[in-house]
Amino acid sequence: GEPGGLMRTNIPSFRLPHTVLNEEIAMITGMGVELKPIPRGE
């Protein structure tokens, strides 16, 4: 549901705070990268 893959789901937030991850993702999307959801297995 949220971008970040294994960084979001497998790295504990005390090691990689979600605010930092969200800022990094915002920088990537700010360059024009498009994020699209894809159902598992597709």
PDB file of all heavy atoms in Angstrom:
ATOM      1  N   GLY A   1       0.797  -1.220   0.000  1.00  0.00           N
ATOM      2  CA  GLY A   1       0.000   0.000   0.000  1.00  0.00           C
ATOM      3  C   GLY A   1       0.831   1.271   0.000  1.00  0.00           C
ATOM      4  O   GLY A   1       0.425   2.287  -0.531  1.00  0.00           O
ATOM      5  N   GLU A   2       2.015   1.206   0.611  1.00  0.00           N
ATOM      6  CA  GLU A   2       2.915   2.355   0.652  1.00  0.00           C
ATOM      7  C   GLU A   2       4.216   1.985  -0.046  1.00  0.00           C
ATOM      8  O   GLU A   2       4.680   0.855   0.069  1.00  0.00           O
ATOM      9  CB  GLU A   2       3.227   2.739   2.095  1.00  0.00           C
ATOM     10  CG  GLU A   2       2.044   3.277   2.868  1.00  0.00           C
ATOM     11  CD  GLU A   2       2.452   3.673   4.263  1.00  0.00           C
ATOM     12  OE1 GLU A   2       2.533   2.794   5.127  1.00  0.00           O
ATOM     13  OE2 GLU A   2       2.709   4.878   4.476  1.00  0.00           O
ATOM     14  N   PRO A   3       4.837   2.926  -0.751  1.00  0.00           N
ATOM     15  CA  PRO A   3       6.100   2.613  -1.410  1.00  0.00           C
ATOM     16  C   PRO A   3       7.226   2.439  -0.396  1.00  0.00           C
ATOM     17  O   PRO A   3       7.158   2.943   0.717  1.00  0.00           O
ATOM     18  CB  PRO A   3       6.350   3.828  -2.306  1.00  0.00           C
ATOM     19  CG  PRO A   3       5.574   4.927  -1.683  1.00  0.00           C
ATOM     20  CD  PRO A   3       4.394   4.282  -1.025  1.00  0.00           C
ATOM     21  N   GLY A   4       8.246   1.728  -0.794  1.00  0.00           N
ATOM     22  CA  GLY A   4       9.403   1.531   0.071  1.00  0.00           C
ATOM     23  C   GLY A   4       9.832   0.081   0.137  1.00  0.00           C
ATOM     24  O   GLY A   4      10.929  -0.227   0.564  1.00  0.00           O
ATOM     25  N   GLY A   5       8.949  -0.818  -0.289  1.00  0.00           N
ATOM     26  CA  GLY A   5       9.286  -2.234  -0.343  1.00  0.00           C
ATOM     27  C   GLY A   5       9.809  -2.776   0.971  1.00  0.00           C
ATOM     28  O   GLY A   5       9.277  -2.478   2.039  1.00  0.00           O
ATOM     29  N   LEU A   6      10.891  -3.555   0.879  1.00  0.00           N
ATOM     30  CA  LEU A   6      11.443  -4.200   2.063  1.00  0.00           C
ATOM     31  C   LEU A   6      12.036  -3.207   3.052  1.00  0.00           C
ATOM     32  O   LEU A   6      12.133  -3.506   4.238  1.00  0.00           O
ATOM     33  CB  LEU A   6      12.495  -5.230   1.661  1.00  0.00           C
ATOM     34  CG  LEU A   6      11.950  -6.447   0.922  1.00  0.00           C
ATOM     35  CD1 LEU A   6      13.082  -7.354   0.473  1.00  0.00           C
ATOM     36  CD2 LEU A   6      10.980  -7.217   1.790  1.00  0.00           C
ATOM     37  N   MET A   7      12.408  -2.028   2.562  1.00  0.00           N
ATOM     38  CA  MET A   7      12.921  -1.018   3.503  1.00  0.00           C
ATOM     39  C   MET A   7      11.822  -0.618   4.481  1.00  0.00           C
ATOM     40  O   MET A   7      12.074  -0.366   5.649  1.00  0.00           O
ATOM     41  CB  MET A   7      13.436   0.214   2.760  1.00  0.00           C
ATOM     42  CG  MET A   7      14.700  -0.046   1.984  1.00  0.00           C
ATOM     43  SD  MET A   7      15.388   1.443   1.245  1.00  0.00           S
ATOM     44  CE  MET A   7      14.095   1.868   0.082  1.00  0.00           C
ATOM     45  N   ARG A   8      10.590  -0.576   4.004  1.00  0.00           N
ATOM     46  CA  ARG A   8       9.473  -0.196   4.871  1.00  0.00           C
ATOM     47  C   ARG A   8       8.988  -1.376   5.705  1.00  0.00           C
ATOM     48  O   ARG A   8       8.623  -1.226   6.864  1.00  0.00           O
ATOM     49  CB  ARG A   8       8.313   0.362   4.060  1.00  0.00           C
ATOM     50  CG  ARG A   8       7.197   0.915   4.941  1.00  0.00           C
ATOM     51  CD  ARG A   8       6.097   1.590   4.163  1.00  0.00           C
ATOM     52  NE  ARG A   8       6.517   2.706   3.355  1.00  0.00           N
ATOM     53  CZ  ARG A   8       6.719   3.948   3.807  1.00  0.00           C
ATOM     54  NH1 ARG A   8       6.552   4.213   5.074  1.00  0.00           N
ATOM     55  NH2 ARG A   8       7.089   4.901   2.986  1.00  0.00           N
ATOM     56  N   THR A   9       8.976  -2.563   5.119  1.00  0.00           N
ATOM     57  CA  THR A   9       8.367  -3.699   5.816  1.00  0.00           C
ATOM     58  C   THR A   9       9.336  -4.507   6.666  1.00  0.00           C
ATOM     59  O   THR A   9       8.910  -5.148   7.622  1.00  0.00           O
ATOM     60  CB  THR A   9       7.700  -4.649   4.803  1.00  0.00           C
ATOM     61  OG1 THR A   9       8.681  -5.143   3.891  1.00  0.00           O
ATOM     62  CG2 THR A   9       6.581  -3.955   4.043  1.00  0.00           C
ATOM     63  N   ASN A  10      10.629  -4.511   6.345  1.00  0.00           N
ATOM     64  CA  ASN A  10      11.559  -5.389   7.058  1.00  0.00           C
ATOM     65  C   ASN A  10      12.587  -4.670   7.916  1.00  0.00           C
ATOM     66  O   ASN A  10      13.235  -5.306   8.732  1.00  0.00           O
ATOM     67  CB  ASN A  10      12.293  -6.297   6.067  1.00  0.00           C
ATOM     68  CG  ASN A  10      11.400  -7.384   5.521  1.00  0.00           C
ATOM     69  OD1 ASN A  10      10.182  -7.269   5.545  1.00  0.00           O
ATOM     70  ND2 ASN A  10      11.995  -8.447   5.042  1.00  0.00           N
ATOM     71  N   ILE A  11      12.776  -3.377   7.716  1.00  0.00           N
ATOM     72  CA  ILE A  11      13.725  -2.628   8.546  1.00  0.00           C
ATOM     73  C   ILE A  11      12.921  -1.936   9.640  1.00  0.00           C
ATOM     74  O   ILE A  11      12.000  -1.174   9.343  1.00  0.00           O
ATOM     75  CB  ILE A  11      14.526  -1.595   7.724  1.00  0.00           C
ATOM     76  CG1 ILE A  11      15.344  -2.305   6.646  1.00  0.00           C
ATOM     77  CG2 ILE A  11      15.420  -0.759   8.639  1.00  0.00           C
ATOM     78  CD1 ILE A  11      16.078  -1.376   5.705  1.00  0.00           C
ATOM     79  N   PRO A  12      13.253  -2.200  10.906  1.00  0.00           N
ATOM     80  CA  PRO A  12      12.490  -1.590  12.003  1.00  0.00           C
ATOM     81  C   PRO A  12      12.566  -0.061  11.943  1.00  0.00           C
ATOM     82  O   PRO A  12      13.588   0.511  11.563  1.00  0.00           O
ATOM     83  CB  PRO A  12      13.187  -2.104  13.269  1.00  0.00           C
ATOM     84  CG  PRO A  12      14.048  -3.234  12.840  1.00  0.00           C
ATOM     85  CD  PRO A  12      14.332  -3.062  11.386  1.00  0.00           C
ATOM     86  N   SER A  13      11.482   0.580  12.333  1.00  0.00           N
ATOM     87  CA  SER A  13      11.417   2.037  12.236  1.00  0.00           C
ATOM     88  C   SER A  13      12.406   2.734  13.174  1.00  0.00           C
ATOM     89  O   SER A  13      12.748   3.884  12.946  1.00  0.00           O
ATOM     90  CB  SER A  13       9.997   2.537  12.496  1.00  0.00           C
ATOM     91  OG  SER A  13       9.583   2.156  13.791  1.00  0.00           O
ATOM     92  N   PHE A  14      12.902   2.050  14.210  1.00  0.00           N
ATOM     93  CA  PHE A  14      13.912   2.691  15.059  1.00  0.00           C
ATOM     94  C   PHE A  14      15.266   2.727  14.351  1.00  0.00           C
ATOM     95  O   PHE A  14      16.125   3.517  14.710  1.00  0.00           O
ATOM     96  CB  PHE A  14      14.024   2.020  16.435  1.00  0.00           C
ATOM     97  CG  PHE A  14      14.577   0.614  16.419  1.00  0.00           C
ATOM     98  CD1 PHE A  14      15.942   0.386  16.470  1.00  0.00           C
ATOM     99  CD2 PHE A  14      13.721  -0.466  16.371  1.00  0.00           C
ATOM    100  CE1 PHE A  14      16.444  -0.909  16.472  1.00  0.00           C
ATOM    101  CE2 PHE A  14      14.208  -1.762  16.370  1.00  0.00           C
ATOM    102  CZ  PHE A  14      15.579  -1.984  16.420  1.00  0.00           C
ATOM    103  N   ARG A  15      15.454   1.901  13.311  1.00  0.00           N
ATOM    104  CA  ARG A  15      16.685   1.945  12.519  1.00  0.00           C
ATOM    105  C   ARG A  15      16.519   2.843  11.293  1.00  0.00           C
ATOM    106  O   ARG A  15      17.444   3.518  10.883  1.00  0.00           O
ATOM    107  CB  ARG A  15      17.080   0.548  12.063  1.00  0.00           C
ATOM    108  CG  ARG A  15      17.517  -0.333  13.187  1.00  0.00           C
ATOM    109  CD  ARG A  15      18.179  -1.573  12.633  1.00  0.00           C
ATOM    110  NE  ARG A  15      18.456  -2.531  13.672  1.00  0.00           N
ATOM    111  CZ  ARG A  15      19.592  -2.591  14.340  1.00  0.00           C
ATOM    112  NH1 ARG A  15      20.553  -1.748  14.072  1.00  0.00           N
ATOM    113  NH2 ARG A  15      19.773  -3.496  15.267  1.00  0.00           N
ATOM    114  N   LEU A  16      15.353   2.795  10.674  1.00  0.00           N
ATOM    115  CA  LEU A  16      15.041   3.639   9.516  1.00  0.00           C
ATOM    116  C   LEU A  16      13.656   4.238   9.743  1.00  0.00           C
ATOM    117  O   LEU A  16      12.641   3.617   9.424  1.00  0.00           O
ATOM    118  CB  LEU A  16      15.067   2.823   8.217  1.00  0.00           C
ATOM    119  CG  LEU A  16      14.692   3.571   6.944  1.00  0.00           C
ATOM    120  CD1 LEU A  16      15.644   4.736   6.687  1.00  0.00           C
ATOM    121  CD2 LEU A  16      14.698   2.618   5.755  1.00  0.00           C
ATOM    122  N   PRO A  17      13.601   5.424  10.341  1.00  0.00           N
ATOM    123  CA  PRO A  17      12.297   6.042  10.621  1.00  0.00           C
ATOM    124  C   PRO A  17      11.492   6.242   9.334  1.00  0.00           C
ATOM    125  O   PRO A  17      12.042   6.577   8.282  1.00  0.00           O
ATOM    126  CB  PRO A  17      12.667   7.388  11.249  1.00  0.00           C
ATOM    127  CG  PRO A  17      14.063   7.208  11.752  1.00  0.00           C
ATOM    128  CD  PRO A  17      14.717   6.244  10.802  1.00  0.00           C
ATOM    129  N   HIS A  18      10.193   6.028   9.447  1.00  0.00           N
ATOM    130  CA  HIS A  18       9.322   6.175   8.276  1.00  0.00           C
ATOM    131  C   HIS A  18       9.356   7.593   7.718  1.00  0.00           C
ATOM    132  O   HIS A  18       9.199   7.789   6.515  1.00  0.00           O
ATOM    133  CB  HIS A  18       7.890   5.750   8.619  1.00  0.00           C
ATOM    134  CG  HIS A  18       7.758   4.288   8.872  1.00  0.00           C
ATOM    135  ND1 HIS A  18       7.784   3.359   7.861  1.00  0.00           N
ATOM    136  CD2 HIS A  18       7.620   3.586  10.007  1.00  0.00           C
ATOM    137  CE1 HIS A  18       7.664   2.151   8.365  1.00  0.00           C
ATOM    138  NE2 HIS A  18       7.562   2.255   9.686  1.00  0.00           N
ATOM    139  N   THR A  19       9.602   8.582   8.580  1.00  0.00           N
ATOM    140  CA  THR A  19       9.687   9.959   8.080  1.00  0.00           C
ATOM    141  C   THR A  19      10.882  10.118   7.144  1.00  0.00           C
ATOM    142  O   THR A  19      10.779  10.791   6.122  1.00  0.00           O
ATOM    143  CB  THR A  19       9.799  10.964   9.237  1.00  0.00           C
ATOM    144  OG1 THR A  19      10.903  10.598  10.070  1.00  0.00           O
ATOM    145  CG2 THR A  19       8.533  10.997  10.072  1.00  0.00           C
ATOM    146  N   VAL A  20      11.998   9.487   7.480  1.00  0.00           N
ATOM    147  CA  VAL A  20      13.186   9.561   6.626  1.00  0.00           C
ATOM    148  C   VAL A  20      12.922   8.838   5.310  1.00  0.00           C
ATOM    149  O   VAL A  20      13.227   9.349   4.227  1.00  0.00           O
ATOM    150  CB  VAL A  20      14.422   8.960   7.345  1.00  0.00           C
ATOM    151  CG1 VAL A  20      15.608   8.857   6.395  1.00  0.00           C
ATOM    152  CG2 VAL A  20      14.771   9.772   8.574  1.00  0.00           C
ATOM    153  N   LEU A  21      12.329   7.660   5.382  1.00  0.00           N
ATOM    154  CA  LEU A  21      11.998   6.899   4.170  1.00  0.00           C
ATOM    155  C   LEU A  21      11.029   7.687   3.290  1.00  0.00           C
ATOM    156  O   LEU A  21      11.220   7.766   2.068  1.00  0.00           O
ATOM    157  CB  LEU A  21      11.402   5.545   4.550  1.00  0.00           C
ATOM    158  CG  LEU A  21      11.117   4.578   3.421  1.00  0.00           C
ATOM    159  CD1 LEU A  21      12.376   4.284   2.601  1.00  0.00           C
ATOM    160  CD2 LEU A  21      10.541   3.282   3.965  1.00  0.00           C
ATOM    161  N   ASN A  22      10.029   8.297   3.892  1.00  0.00           N
ATOM    162  CA  ASN A  22       9.069   9.100   3.116  1.00  0.00           C
ATOM    163  C   ASN A  22       9.748  10.285   2.438  1.00  0.00           C
ATOM    164  O   ASN A  22       9.419  10.624   1.299  1.00  0.00           O
ATOM    165  CB  ASN A  22       7.936   9.589   4.014  1.00  0.00           C
ATOM    166  CG  ASN A  22       7.038   8.460   4.469  1.00  0.00           C
ATOM    167  OD1 ASN A  22       6.992   7.397   3.844  1.00  0.00           O
ATOM    168  ND2 ASN A  22       6.341   8.671   5.566  1.00  0.00           N
ATOM    169  N   GLU A  23      10.708  10.910   3.124  1.00  0.00           N
ATOM    170  CA  GLU A  23      11.439  12.031   2.524  1.00  0.00           C
ATOM    171  C   GLU A  23      12.265  11.561   1.327  1.00  0.00           C
ATOM    172  O   GLU A  23      12.321  12.244   0.301  1.00  0.00           O
ATOM    173  CB  GLU A  23      12.352  12.692   3.559  1.00  0.00           C
ATOM    174  CG  GLU A  23      11.610  13.470   4.619  1.00  0.00           C
ATOM    175  CD  GLU A  23      12.517  13.940   5.749  1.00  0.00           C
ATOM    176  OE1 GLU A  23      13.746  13.735   5.664  1.00  0.00           O
ATOM    177  OE2 GLU A  23      11.985  14.503   6.720  1.00  0.00           O
ATOM    178  N   GLU A  24      12.916  10.417   1.463  1.00  0.00           N
ATOM    179  CA  GLU A  24      13.716   9.870   0.363  1.00  0.00           C
ATOM    180  C   GLU A  24      12.835   9.523  -0.836  1.00  0.00           C
ATOM    181  O   GLU A  24      13.183   9.803  -1.985  1.00  0.00           O
ATOM    182  CB  GLU A  24      14.485   8.625   0.827  1.00  0.00           C
ATOM    183  CG  GLU A  24      15.511   8.895   1.901  1.00  0.00           C
ATOM    184  CD  GLU A  24      16.726   9.629   1.374  1.00  0.00           C
ATOM    185  OE1 GLU A  24      17.104   9.421   0.207  1.00  0.00           O
ATOM    186  OE2 GLU A  24      17.308  10.411   2.145  1.00  0.00           O
ATOM    187  N   ILE A  25      11.692   8.919  -0.582  1.00  0.00           N
ATOM    188  CA  ILE A  25      10.767   8.567  -1.661  1.00  0.00           C
ATOM    189  C   ILE A  25      10.229   9.836  -2.321  1.00  0.00           C
ATOM    190  O   ILE A  25      10.088   9.899  -3.549  1.00  0.00           O
ATOM    191  CB  ILE A  25       9.628   7.668  -1.130  1.00  0.00           C
ATOM    192  CG1 ILE A  25      10.208   6.305  -0.732  1.00  0.00           C
ATOM    193  CG2 ILE A  25       8.512   7.515  -2.161  1.00  0.00           C
ATOM    194  CD1 ILE A  25       9.275   5.426   0.063  1.00  0.00           C
ATOM    195  N   ALA A  26       9.972  10.872  -1.529  1.00  0.00           N
ATOM    196  CA  ALA A  26       9.498  12.139  -2.080  1.00  0.00           C
ATOM    197  C   ALA A  26      10.548  12.766  -3.000  1.00  0.00           C
ATOM    198  O   ALA A  26      10.206  13.354  -4.033  1.00  0.00           O
ATOM    199  CB  ALA A  26       9.127  13.107  -0.955  1.00  0.00           C
ATOM    200  N   MET A  27      11.834  12.623  -2.654  1.00  0.00           N
ATOM    201  CA  MET A  27      12.886  13.141  -3.534  1.00  0.00           C
ATOM    202  C   MET A  27      12.895  12.390  -4.866  1.00  0.00           C
ATOM    203  O   MET A  27      13.067  12.992  -5.925  1.00  0.00           O
ATOM    204  CB  MET A  27      14.247  13.028  -2.857  1.00  0.00           C
ATOM    205  CG  MET A  27      14.503  14.100  -1.826  1.00  0.00           C
ATOM    206  SD  MET A  27      16.222  14.179  -1.308  1.00  0.00           S
ATOM    207  CE  MET A  27      16.239  12.934  -0.038  1.00  0.00           C
ATOM    208  N   ILE A  28      12.699  11.086  -4.804  1.00  0.00           N
ATOM    209  CA  ILE A  28      12.686  10.268  -6.018  1.00  0.00           C
ATOM    210  C   ILE A  28      11.484  10.624  -6.890  1.00  0.00           C
ATOM    211  O   ILE A  28      11.623  10.842  -8.091  1.00  0.00           O
ATOM    212  CB  ILE A  28      12.691   8.771  -5.651  1.00  0.00           C
ATOM    213  CG1 ILE A  28      14.030   8.403  -5.013  1.00  0.00           C
ATOM    214  CG2 ILE A  28      12.407   7.903  -6.866  1.00  0.00           C
ATOM    215  CD1 ILE A  28      14.060   7.038  -4.364  1.00  0.00           C
ATOM    216  N   THR A  29      10.311  10.703  -6.287  1.00  0.00           N
ATOM    217  CA  THR A  29       9.128  11.048  -7.077  1.00  0.00           C
ATOM    218  C   THR A  29       9.179  12.500  -7.540  1.00  0.00           C
ATOM    219  O   THR A  29       8.621  12.834  -8.579  1.00  0.00           O
ATOM    220  CB  THR A  29       7.832  10.780  -6.289  1.00  0.00           C
ATOM    221  OG1 THR A  29       7.866  11.505  -5.061  1.00  0.00           O
ATOM    222  CG2 THR A  29       7.655   9.293  -6.010  1.00  0.00           C
ATOM    223  N   GLY A  30       9.875  13.348  -6.792  1.00  0.00           N
ATOM    224  CA  GLY A  30      10.033  14.743  -7.191  1.00  0.00           C
ATOM    225  C   GLY A  30      10.847  14.910  -8.464  1.00  0.00           C
ATOM    226  O   GLY A  30      10.738  15.914  -9.156  1.00  0.00           O
ATOM    227  N   MET A  31      11.668  13.907  -8.778  1.00  0.00           N
ATOM    228  CA  MET A  31      12.444  13.937 -10.024  1.00  0.00           C
ATOM    229  C   MET A  31      11.600  13.480 -11.213  1.00  0.00           C
ATOM    230  O   MET A  31      12.065  13.513 -12.341  1.00  0.00           O
ATOM    231  CB  MET A  31      13.671  13.030  -9.909  1.00  0.00           C
ATOM    232  CG  MET A  31      14.700  13.533  -8.942  1.00  0.00           C
ATOM    233  SD  MET A  31      16.271  12.623  -9.030  1.00  0.00           S
ATOM    234  CE  MET A  31      15.783  10.947  -8.751  1.00  0.00           C
ATOM    235  N   GLY A  32      10.367  13.029 -10.941  1.00  0.00           N
ATOM    236  CA  GLY A  32       9.494  12.612 -12.023  1.00  0.00           C
ATOM    237  C   GLY A  32       9.257  11.116 -12.113  1.00  0.00           C
ATOM    238  O   GLY A  32       8.613  10.651 -13.042  1.00  0.00           O
ATOM    239  N   VAL A  33       9.781  10.351 -11.150  1.00  0.00           N
ATOM    240  CA  VAL A  33       9.534   8.911 -11.137  1.00  0.00           C
ATOM    241  C   VAL A  33       8.073   8.674 -10.798  1.00  0.00           C
ATOM    242  O   VAL A  33       7.533   9.276  -9.869  1.00  0.00           O
ATOM    243  CB  VAL A  33      10.441   8.197 -10.111  1.00  0.00           C
ATOM    244  CG1 VAL A  33      10.064   6.741  -9.952  1.00  0.00           C
ATOM    245  CG2 VAL A  33      11.895   8.316 -10.519  1.00  0.00           C
ATOM    246  N   GLU A  34       7.435   7.802 -11.558  1.00  0.00           N
ATOM    247  CA  GLU A  34       6.024   7.491 -11.348  1.00  0.00           C
ATOM    248  C   GLU A  34       5.909   6.228 -10.498  1.00  0.00           C
ATOM    249  O   GLU A  34       6.612   5.253 -10.728  1.00  0.00           O
ATOM    250  CB  GLU A  34       5.344   7.264 -12.697  1.00  0.00           C
ATOM    251  CG  GLU A  34       3.869   7.026 -12.607  1.00  0.00           C
ATOM    252  CD  GLU A  34       3.223   6.832 -13.970  1.00  0.00           C
ATOM    253  OE1 GLU A  34       3.938   6.820 -14.988  1.00  0.00           O
ATOM    254  OE2 GLU A  34       1.998   6.676 -13.994  1.00  0.00           O
ATOM    255  N   LEU A  35       5.036   6.257  -9.494  1.00  0.00           N
ATOM    256  CA  LEU A  35       4.762   5.089  -8.663  1.00  0.00           C
ATOM    257  C   LEU A  35       3.403   4.522  -9.037  1.00  0.00           C
ATOM    258  O   LEU A  35       2.417   5.263  -9.110  1.00  0.00           O
ATOM    259  CB  LEU A  35       4.745   5.472  -7.184  1.00  0.00           C
ATOM    260  CG  LEU A  35       6.068   5.843  -6.552  1.00  0.00           C
ATOM    261  CD1 LEU A  35       5.841   6.382  -5.146  1.00  0.00           C
ATOM    262  CD2 LEU A  35       6.995   4.653  -6.507  1.00  0.00           C
ATOM    263  N   LYS A  36       3.354   3.208  -9.276  1.00  0.00           N
ATOM    264  CA  LYS A  36       2.089   2.556  -9.602  1.00  0.00           C
ATOM    265  C   LYS A  36       1.945   1.296  -8.756  1.00  0.00           C
ATOM    266  O   LYS A  36       2.900   0.539  -8.612  1.00  0.00           O
ATOM    267  CB  LYS A  36       2.047   2.143 -11.073  1.00  0.00           C
ATOM    268  CG  LYS A  36       1.876   3.264 -12.039  1.00  0.00           C
ATOM    269  CD  LYS A  36       1.693   2.712 -13.434  1.00  0.00           C
ATOM    270  CE  LYS A  36       1.467   3.813 -14.439  1.00  0.00           C
ATOM    271  NZ  LYS A  36       1.294   3.278 -15.794  1.00  0.00           N
ATOM    272  N   PRO A  37       0.759   1.069  -8.222  1.00  0.00           N
ATOM    273  CA  PRO A  37       0.552  -0.184  -7.487  1.00  0.00           C
ATOM    274  C   PRO A  37       0.419  -1.357  -8.458  1.00  0.00           C
ATOM    275  O   PRO A  37      -0.047  -1.198  -9.587  1.00  0.00           O
ATOM    276  CB  PRO A  37      -0.763   0.056  -6.743  1.00  0.00           C
ATOM    277  CG  PRO A  37      -1.472   1.087  -7.558  1.00  0.00           C
ATOM    278  CD  PRO A  37      -0.410   1.936  -8.208  1.00  0.00           C
ATOM    279  N   ILE A  38       0.854  -2.521  -8.027  1.00  0.00           N
ATOM    280  CA  ILE A  38       0.693  -3.739  -8.814  1.00  0.00           C
ATOM    281  C   ILE A  38       0.322  -4.855  -7.846  1.00  0.00           C
ATOM    282  O   ILE A  38       0.967  -5.017  -6.804  1.00  0.00           O
ATOM    283  CB  ILE A  38       1.960  -4.096  -9.624  1.00  0.00           C
ATOM    284  CG1 ILE A  38       1.725  -5.305 -10.490  1.00  0.00           C
ATOM    285  CG2 ILE A  38       3.149  -4.296  -8.719  1.00  0.00           C
ATOM    286  CD1 ILE A  38       2.822  -5.585 -11.498  1.00  0.00           C
ATOM    287  N   PRO A  39      -0.748  -5.584  -8.134  1.00  0.00           N
ATOM    288  CA  PRO A  39      -1.136  -6.670  -7.225  1.00  0.00           C
ATOM    289  C   PRO A  39      -0.059  -7.740  -7.158  1.00  0.00           C
ATOM    290  O   PRO A  39       0.641  -8.002  -8.136  1.00  0.00           O
ATOM    291  CB  PRO A  39      -2.413  -7.239  -7.871  1.00  0.00           C
ATOM    292  CG  PRO A  39      -2.909  -6.162  -8.777  1.00  0.00           C
ATOM    293  CD  PRO A  39      -1.686  -5.419  -9.239  1.00  0.00           C
ATOM    294  N   ARG A  40       0.076  -8.348  -6.008  1.00  0.00           N
ATOM    295  CA  ARG A  40       1.053  -9.422  -5.810  1.00  0.00           C
ATOM    296  C   ARG A  40       0.798 -10.527  -6.832  1.00  0.00           C
ATOM    297  O   ARG A  40      -0.328 -10.924  -7.083  1.00  0.00           O
ATOM    298  CB  ARG A  40       0.921  -9.984  -4.399  1.00  0.00           C
ATOM    299  CG  ARG A  40       1.838 -11.138  -4.134  1.00  0.00           C
ATOM    300  CD  ARG A  40       1.746 -11.569  -2.717  1.00  0.00           C
ATOM    301  NE  ARG A  40       3.025 -11.230  -2.128  1.00  0.00           N
ATOM    302  CZ  ARG A  40       3.295 -11.276  -0.857  1.00  0.00           C
ATOM    303  NH1 ARG A  40       2.370 -11.613  -0.014  1.00  0.00           N
ATOM    304  NH2 ARG A  40       4.490 -10.978  -0.424  1.00  0.00           N
ATOM    305  N   GLY A  41       1.874 -10.995  -7.461  1.00  0.00           N
ATOM    306  CA  GLY A  41       1.768 -12.063  -8.441  1.00  0.00           C
ATOM    307  C   GLY A  41       1.525 -11.590  -9.864  1.00  0.00           C
ATOM    308  O   GLY A  41       1.483 -12.394 -10.783  1.00  0.00           O
ATOM    309  N   GLU A  42       1.364 -10.297 -10.061  1.00  0.00           N
ATOM    310  CA  GLU A  42       1.085  -9.767 -11.395  1.00  0.00           C
ATOM    311  C   GLU A  42       2.347  -9.341 -12.143  1.00  0.00           C
ATOM    312  O   GLU A  42       2.267  -8.870 -13.269  1.00  0.00           O
ATOM    313  CB  GLU A  42       0.115  -8.581 -11.310  1.00  0.00           C
ATOM    314  CG  GLU A  42      -1.256  -8.952 -10.802  1.00  0.00           C
ATOM    315  CD  GLU A  42      -2.015  -9.848 -11.776  1.00  0.00           C
ATOM    316  OE1 GLU A  42      -1.953  -9.605 -12.989  1.00  0.00           O
ATOM    317  OE2 GLU A  42      -2.656 -10.801 -11.302  1.00  0.00           O
TER     318      GLU A  42
END
